Protein backbone atom coordinates (compact mmCIF):
# COMPACT_ATOMS: atom_id res chain seq x y z
CA UNK A 1 2.68 -16.88 -28.65
CA UNK A 2 2.03 -13.22 -29.29
CA UNK A 3 4.87 -11.04 -30.50
CA UNK A 4 6.54 -9.14 -27.68
CA UNK A 5 7.48 -5.48 -27.67
CA UNK A 6 9.26 -3.12 -25.29
CA UNK A 7 7.22 -0.72 -23.17
CA UNK A 8 9.34 2.15 -21.79
CA UNK A 9 8.08 4.70 -19.28
CA UNK A 10 9.45 7.07 -16.67
CA UNK A 11 9.15 6.54 -12.93
CA UNK A 12 10.97 8.15 -10.04
CA UNK A 13 14.01 6.34 -8.64
CA UNK A 14 12.52 5.71 -5.19
CA UNK A 15 9.36 4.13 -6.57
CA UNK A 16 11.34 1.91 -8.92
CA UNK A 17 13.70 0.81 -6.14
CA UNK A 18 10.84 0.02 -3.74
CA UNK A 19 8.92 -1.85 -6.46
CA UNK A 20 12.01 -3.87 -7.41
CA UNK A 21 12.62 -4.82 -3.75
CA UNK A 22 8.96 -5.80 -3.26
CA UNK A 23 8.99 -7.91 -6.43
CA UNK A 24 12.22 -9.63 -5.44
CA UNK A 25 10.81 -10.39 -1.99
CA UNK A 26 8.21 -12.54 -3.78
CA UNK A 27 10.65 -14.07 -6.28
CA UNK A 28 9.14 -12.10 -9.16
CA UNK A 29 10.66 -9.63 -11.54
CA UNK A 30 9.23 -6.18 -12.00
CA UNK A 31 8.43 -7.08 -15.61
CA UNK A 32 6.40 -10.12 -14.56
CA UNK A 33 4.40 -8.05 -12.10
CA UNK A 34 3.81 -5.21 -14.54
CA UNK A 35 2.50 -7.68 -17.14
CA UNK A 36 0.20 -9.18 -14.48
CA UNK A 37 -1.03 -5.69 -13.50
CA UNK A 38 -1.65 -4.80 -17.15
CA UNK A 39 -3.66 -7.99 -17.74
CA UNK A 40 -5.69 -7.46 -14.57
CA UNK A 41 -6.41 -3.84 -15.46
CA UNK A 42 -7.58 -4.73 -18.96
CA UNK A 43 -9.68 -7.62 -17.63
CA UNK A 44 -11.28 -5.57 -14.86
CA UNK A 45 -11.93 -2.59 -17.14
CA UNK A 46 -13.43 -4.84 -19.82
CA UNK A 47 -15.73 -6.49 -17.26
CA UNK A 48 -17.04 -3.27 -15.77
CA UNK A 49 -16.94 -0.89 -18.71
CA UNK A 50 -19.26 -0.30 -21.61
CA UNK A 51 -16.53 -0.21 -24.27
CA UNK A 52 -17.29 -3.10 -26.63
CA UNK A 53 -13.89 -2.84 -28.34
CA UNK A 54 -12.12 -3.22 -24.99
CA UNK A 55 -14.19 -6.32 -24.18
CA UNK A 56 -13.30 -7.77 -27.58
CA UNK A 57 -9.61 -6.95 -27.02
CA UNK A 58 -9.69 -8.80 -23.71
CA UNK A 59 -11.54 -11.80 -25.14
CA UNK A 60 -9.04 -12.04 -27.99
CA UNK A 61 -6.09 -11.71 -25.62
CA UNK A 62 -7.58 -14.15 -23.13
CA UNK A 63 -8.15 -16.78 -25.82
CA UNK A 64 -4.48 -16.51 -26.85
CA UNK A 65 -3.23 -16.49 -23.25
CA UNK A 66 -5.05 -19.73 -22.45
CA UNK A 67 -3.35 -21.97 -24.99
CA UNK A 68 -4.56 -25.18 -23.34
CA UNK A 69 -8.19 -24.90 -22.18
CA UNK A 70 -8.12 -28.37 -20.59
CA UNK A 71 -5.18 -27.39 -18.41
CA UNK A 72 -6.82 -24.06 -17.62
CA UNK A 73 -10.02 -25.82 -16.48
CA UNK A 74 -8.00 -28.33 -14.44
CA UNK A 75 -5.97 -25.55 -12.84
CA UNK A 76 -9.04 -23.45 -12.00
CA UNK A 77 -10.66 -26.49 -10.35
CA UNK A 78 -7.55 -27.08 -8.22
CA UNK A 79 -7.66 -23.42 -7.13
CA UNK A 80 -11.36 -23.72 -6.21
CA UNK A 81 -10.62 -26.86 -4.21
CA UNK A 82 -7.76 -25.14 -2.44
CA UNK A 83 -9.86 -22.12 -1.54
CA UNK A 84 -12.64 -24.38 -0.22
CA UNK A 85 -10.25 -26.51 1.84
CA UNK A 86 -11.11 -26.05 5.51
CA UNK A 87 -7.97 -27.68 6.90
CA UNK A 88 -5.77 -25.32 8.90
CA UNK A 89 -3.07 -23.55 6.92
CA UNK A 90 0.62 -23.98 7.62
CA UNK A 91 2.64 -20.78 7.94
CA UNK A 92 5.25 -20.23 5.22
CA UNK A 93 8.12 -20.01 7.74
CA UNK A 94 7.18 -23.41 9.19
CA UNK A 95 7.06 -25.06 5.76
CA UNK A 96 10.38 -23.45 4.80
CA UNK A 97 12.01 -24.68 8.03
CA UNK A 98 10.70 -28.20 7.48
CA UNK A 99 11.95 -28.37 3.90
CA UNK A 100 15.36 -27.01 4.97
CA UNK A 101 15.56 -29.92 7.44
CA UNK A 102 14.71 -32.42 4.69
CA UNK A 103 17.33 -30.92 2.38
CA UNK A 104 19.92 -30.96 5.15
CA UNK A 105 19.22 -34.65 5.89
CA UNK A 106 19.60 -35.54 2.21
CA UNK A 107 22.82 -33.56 1.86
CA UNK A 108 24.27 -35.05 5.04
CA UNK A 109 23.32 -38.59 3.97
CA UNK A 110 25.61 -38.32 0.92
């Protein structure tokens, strides 16, 4: 794993508070999302730009980030299958309600 470092920057209080609430609403931390945004920005810039060094930086980072290429290939295939699946989707609230019922039955059976 690559060595980690701290990245400190200034942002206004309202933006930070709104970002933190939005991240929490999706069970993510602000740090996780910022790392995702940074990776996506580097990737997208490397793909569309003419800067060879940036492309090399991304390729080097990407090769470290994907520690298990077999798992990565398997995972990407599952995502492709999911995106191609034509079955109707189930709304999140419905799934959450159904799993709460299952949990309640298990707890009550004890």
